[in-house]
C-alpha cells in the first residue's frame, strides 16, 4: 500500500524537489502551497498524481482543513515534511514587530500546526515520520538574519522535544539543517558574499535542492526507523 506524504511549501525549491522525488518513489504526494499557484500548477502538470493543497500553515483552521482534504483523497498522512518557510535579511534594530511575528507565524507556528494534526493521526496508527526543515543558521546564527535564525533554532528545539514525546508511539521526528542551497531564496544573496560562503565551505560549492530531498527520502524510509531526534546538517562541511 502506498504511503502518503505531505510536503509544506512545495511549490518551489526544496519543497518542489521533495514532491517530485517522493512521487517518483511511489508515494502519494500532497503538495502544500499558499500564493504560488503558477508554480504548483506547473508541478502538477509534470506529476499529475500530486494533490495540490492550498493553506496558510500559520493558520490552524486552514491546516486542519488541509489534512481533511488529504484524508479524503489519500487516507492518513504517513510522512510530514515541514518545509514551508520565509526569510528576512535585515538589521535587528530595523526589524519591525509585524515582520518578526510573520516569520514566527510561518516558520514556527506552521511547524506546530502541521505537526499537531499529523501527530494525532500517527499516535493512533502507532507509526509515522515527521521531518522538519530548519537551517544551519538555526545552529550558529546569521548576522542580519536574527529573526530568521531564531525561528530556525526554535524548530531544532521543537524537533528534539517532540522526538522524546512521540517516540513511545513509534513516531520518528528528525530535522535537516541545510547549508547554502541553490534556491530562489538564496539567489538574492550578493555575489561577493556568495563567493565568501563558498570559500568557507570545505566542498567549495553550494548545495542543490536534490541534496535535501534525498536526505528527507532516507529519513522517511524504513532504513531510518532507528533514527529520531537528530539534527542532520547538509551543508558541504560549512559547520563541522
Protein backbone atom coordinates (compact mmCIF):
# COMPACT_ATOMS: atom_id res chain seq x y z
CA UNK A 1 0.00 0.00 0.00
CA UNK A 2 1.35 3.42 -0.97
CA UNK A 3 2.38 5.76 1.82
CA UNK A 4 1.20 9.36 1.87
CA UNK A 5 3.49 12.33 2.38
CA UNK A 6 2.50 15.94 3.00
CA UNK A 7 5.13 18.49 2.00
CA UNK A 8 4.55 22.10 3.01
CA UNK A 9 5.90 24.90 0.85
CA UNK A 10 6.07 22.50 -2.08
CA UNK A 11 5.71 24.92 -4.99
CA UNK A 12 9.41 25.69 -5.40
CA UNK A 13 12.94 24.99 -4.22
CA UNK A 14 13.47 22.25 -1.66
CA UNK A 15 9.75 21.55 -1.29
CA UNK A 16 9.24 21.10 -5.02
CA UNK A 17 12.23 18.78 -5.27
CA UNK A 18 10.87 16.72 -2.36
CA UNK A 19 7.45 16.49 -4.02
CA UNK A 20 8.95 15.29 -7.31
CA UNK A 21 11.32 12.80 -5.67
CA UNK A 22 8.72 11.26 -3.36
CA UNK A 23 6.28 10.97 -6.28
CA UNK A 24 8.93 9.16 -8.34
CA UNK A 25 9.45 6.81 -5.41
CA UNK A 26 5.85 5.70 -5.21
CA UNK A 27 4.37 7.94 -2.53
CA UNK A 28 1.00 9.64 -2.59
CA UNK A 29 2.12 13.26 -2.51
CA UNK A 30 0.14 16.18 -1.10
CA UNK A 31 1.88 19.41 -2.10
CA UNK A 32 1.03 22.40 0.05
CA UNK A 33 1.30 25.96 -1.24
CA UNK A 34 -0.17 29.38 -0.48
CA UNK A 35 0.40 32.02 -3.16
CA UNK A 36 2.49 30.29 -5.83
CA UNK A 37 -0.40 28.98 -7.92
CA UNK A 38 1.50 29.18 -11.20
CA UNK A 39 4.38 27.11 -9.82
CA UNK A 40 2.15 24.49 -8.20
CA UNK A 41 0.17 24.10 -11.44
CA UNK A 42 3.43 23.51 -13.30
CA UNK A 43 4.40 20.86 -10.76
CA UNK A 44 1.05 19.08 -11.12
CA UNK A 45 1.26 19.20 -14.91
CA UNK A 46 4.60 17.40 -14.67
CA UNK A 47 3.38 14.99 -11.97
CA UNK A 48 -0.40 14.59 -12.38
CA UNK A 49 -0.73 12.26 -9.38
CA UNK A 50 0.30 15.01 -6.96
CA UNK A 51 -2.52 16.56 -4.95
CA UNK A 52 -2.16 20.35 -4.56
CA UNK A 53 -3.46 21.62 -1.21
CA UNK A 54 -3.66 25.35 -0.58
CA UNK A 55 -3.31 26.52 3.03
CA UNK A 56 -1.56 29.14 5.12
CA UNK A 57 0.33 26.90 7.54
CA UNK A 58 0.32 29.65 10.16
CA UNK A 59 -3.49 29.33 10.36
CA UNK A 60 -4.55 26.32 12.44
CA UNK A 61 -8.03 26.08 10.87
CA UNK A 62 -6.63 26.09 7.34
CA UNK A 63 -4.17 23.37 8.32
CA UNK A 64 -6.96 21.23 9.76
CA UNK A 65 -8.96 21.63 6.54
CA UNK A 66 -5.87 20.69 4.53
CA UNK A 67 -5.46 17.45 6.47
CA UNK A 68 -9.14 16.66 5.96
CA UNK A 69 -8.74 17.10 2.20
CA UNK A 70 -5.70 14.83 2.15
CA UNK A 71 -7.55 12.22 4.19
CA UNK A 72 -10.45 12.23 1.75
CA UNK A 73 -8.10 11.77 -1.21
CA UNK A 74 -5.35 9.50 0.10
CA UNK A 75 -6.17 8.45 3.66
CA UNK A 76 -3.87 9.04 6.62
CA UNK A 77 -0.65 11.05 6.35
CA UNK A 78 2.33 8.74 6.98
CA UNK A 79 5.10 11.31 6.49
CA UNK A 80 5.07 15.04 7.15
CA UNK A 81 7.80 17.31 5.80
CA UNK A 82 7.61 20.75 7.40
CA UNK A 83 9.38 22.76 4.73
CA UNK A 84 7.34 25.97 4.38
CA UNK A 85 9.37 28.97 5.43
CA UNK A 86 10.08 32.62 4.79
CA UNK A 87 13.25 34.64 5.34
CA UNK A 88 14.16 38.18 6.32
CA UNK A 89 17.56 39.79 5.80
CA UNK A 90 17.56 42.97 7.85
CA UNK A 91 19.38 44.69 10.70
CA UNK A 92 17.90 43.61 14.01
CA UNK A 93 17.30 47.20 15.12
CA UNK A 94 15.29 47.83 11.94
CA UNK A 95 13.22 44.66 12.19
CA UNK A 96 9.56 45.52 12.76
CA UNK A 97 7.40 43.59 15.21
CA UNK A 98 4.97 42.54 12.48
CA UNK A 99 7.89 41.15 10.44
CA UNK A 100 9.10 39.20 13.49
CA UNK A 101 5.59 37.88 14.12
CA UNK A 102 5.10 36.82 10.49
CA UNK A 103 8.38 34.88 10.45
CA UNK A 104 7.45 33.06 13.64
CA UNK A 105 3.93 32.55 12.30
CA UNK A 106 5.09 30.66 9.21
CA UNK A 107 8.39 29.14 10.34
CA UNK A 108 7.40 28.06 13.85
CA UNK A 109 3.59 28.15 14.17
CA UNK A 110 3.41 26.38 10.81
CA UNK A 111 5.54 23.53 12.12
CA UNK A 112 3.41 23.38 15.28
CA UNK A 113 0.08 23.39 13.42
CA UNK A 114 1.03 20.73 10.88
CA UNK A 115 2.86 18.52 13.37
CA UNK A 116 -0.05 18.61 15.79
CA UNK A 117 -2.51 17.42 13.14
CA UNK A 118 -0.07 14.78 11.92
CA UNK A 119 0.69 13.59 15.46
CA UNK A 120 -2.98 12.91 16.16
CA UNK A 121 -3.06 10.55 13.18
CA UNK A 122 0.34 8.98 13.81
CA UNK A 123 -0.26 8.33 17.52
CA UNK A 124 -3.47 6.49 16.61
CA UNK A 125 -1.60 4.44 13.99
CA UNK A 126 1.46 3.99 16.22
CA UNK A 127 3.79 4.95 13.37
CA UNK A 128 4.85 7.93 11.28
CA UNK A 129 7.70 10.21 10.28
CA UNK A 130 7.94 13.96 10.86
CA UNK A 131 10.81 15.72 9.11
CA UNK A 132 11.45 19.39 9.84
CA UNK A 133 13.50 21.60 7.56
CA UNK A 134 15.46 24.11 9.62
CA UNK A 135 18.71 25.84 8.58
CA UNK A 136 22.34 25.88 9.60
CA UNK A 137 21.66 29.46 10.73
CA UNK A 138 19.43 27.92 13.38
CA UNK A 139 22.57 26.23 14.72
CA UNK A 140 25.12 29.06 14.54
CA UNK A 141 23.07 32.20 13.79
CA UNK A 142 23.50 34.66 10.94
CA UNK A 143 24.20 38.37 11.16
CA UNK A 144 21.34 40.49 9.79
CA UNK A 145 19.09 37.43 9.98
CA UNK A 146 18.32 37.39 13.68
CA UNK A 147 14.58 36.77 13.28
CA UNK A 148 15.10 34.01 10.72
CA UNK A 149 17.86 32.37 12.79
CA UNK A 150 15.66 32.48 15.89
CA UNK A 151 12.80 30.72 14.11
CA UNK A 152 15.07 28.02 12.77
CA UNK A 153 16.65 27.49 16.19
CA UNK A 154 13.13 27.06 17.58
CA UNK A 155 12.46 24.32 15.03
CA UNK A 156 15.56 22.46 16.21
CA UNK A 157 14.44 22.58 19.85
CA UNK A 158 10.92 21.58 18.81
CA UNK A 159 12.31 18.56 16.96
CA UNK A 160 14.32 17.26 19.92
CA UNK A 161 11.47 17.63 22.39
CA UNK A 162 8.80 16.17 20.10
CA UNK A 163 11.02 13.18 19.29
CA UNK A 164 11.15 12.34 23.01
CA UNK A 165 7.40 12.75 23.42
CA UNK A 166 6.32 10.80 20.33
CA UNK A 167 9.00 8.11 20.37
CA UNK A 168 6.97 5.74 22.58
CA UNK A 169 4.22 5.93 19.95
CA UNK A 170 6.57 4.65 17.24
CA UNK A 171 6.96 8.06 15.59
CA UNK A 172 10.29 9.39 14.32
CA UNK A 173 10.93 13.15 14.41
CA UNK A 174 14.08 14.50 12.78
CA UNK A 175 15.41 17.76 11.43
CA UNK A 176 17.51 18.69 8.41
CA UNK A 177 19.60 21.86 8.59
CA UNK A 178 20.54 22.85 5.03
CA UNK A 179 23.54 24.99 4.29
CA UNK A 180 23.66 27.34 1.31
CA UNK A 181 21.35 25.77 -1.25
CA UNK A 182 20.68 26.94 -4.81
CA UNK A 183 17.08 28.11 -4.29
CA UNK A 184 15.09 31.23 -5.12
CA UNK A 185 15.52 32.38 -1.52
CA UNK A 186 19.32 32.38 -1.84
CA UNK A 187 19.61 33.76 -5.35
CA UNK A 188 19.23 37.26 -3.90
CA UNK A 189 22.49 36.91 -1.99
CA UNK A 190 25.14 39.36 -3.18
CA UNK A 191 27.63 37.60 -5.49
CA UNK A 192 30.65 38.63 -3.38
CA UNK A 193 29.00 37.29 -0.22
CA UNK A 194 28.10 34.11 -2.06
CA UNK A 195 31.73 33.60 -3.07
CA UNK A 196 32.78 34.10 0.55
CA UNK A 197 30.27 31.47 1.67
CA UNK A 198 31.52 29.05 -0.98
CA UNK A 199 35.13 29.61 0.05
CA UNK A 200 34.18 28.82 3.68
CA UNK A 201 32.60 25.54 2.59
CA UNK A 202 35.10 22.64 2.53
CA UNK A 203 33.44 21.12 -0.55
CA UNK A 204 33.81 24.53 -2.28
CA UNK A 205 30.31 24.58 -3.71
CA UNK A 206 26.72 25.28 -2.74
CA UNK A 207 24.14 22.56 -2.38
CA UNK A 208 21.20 21.61 -4.54
CA UNK A 209 17.60 21.10 -3.51
CA UNK A 210 18.06 17.46 -4.51
CA UNK A 211 20.60 17.06 -1.69
CA UNK A 212 17.96 17.94 0.88
CA UNK A 213 15.22 15.93 -0.84
CA UNK A 214 17.37 12.79 -0.88
CA UNK A 215 18.06 13.20 2.84
CA UNK A 216 14.35 13.60 3.52
CA UNK A 217 13.57 10.50 1.44
CA UNK A 218 16.03 8.48 3.51
CA UNK A 219 14.61 9.75 6.82
CA UNK A 220 11.11 8.82 5.61
CA UNK A 221 12.20 5.29 4.71
CA UNK A 222 12.25 2.11 6.78
CA UNK A 223 16.05 2.36 6.75
CA UNK A 224 15.78 5.28 9.18
CA UNK A 225 13.47 3.58 11.68
CA UNK A 226 16.08 3.80 14.48
CA UNK A 227 16.89 7.47 13.87
CA UNK A 228 14.98 10.09 15.83
CA UNK A 229 15.61 13.46 17.46
CA UNK A 230 18.58 14.08 15.17
CA UNK A 231 19.70 17.34 13.60
CA UNK A 232 21.26 16.43 10.28
CA UNK A 233 23.44 19.07 8.67
CA UNK A 234 23.53 19.02 4.87
CA UNK A 235 25.91 21.91 4.33
CA UNK A 236 29.03 20.78 2.47
CA UNK A 237 31.01 20.93 5.71
CA UNK A 238 30.29 24.61 6.43
CA UNK A 239 29.53 23.62 10.04
CA UNK A 240 31.58 20.78 11.49
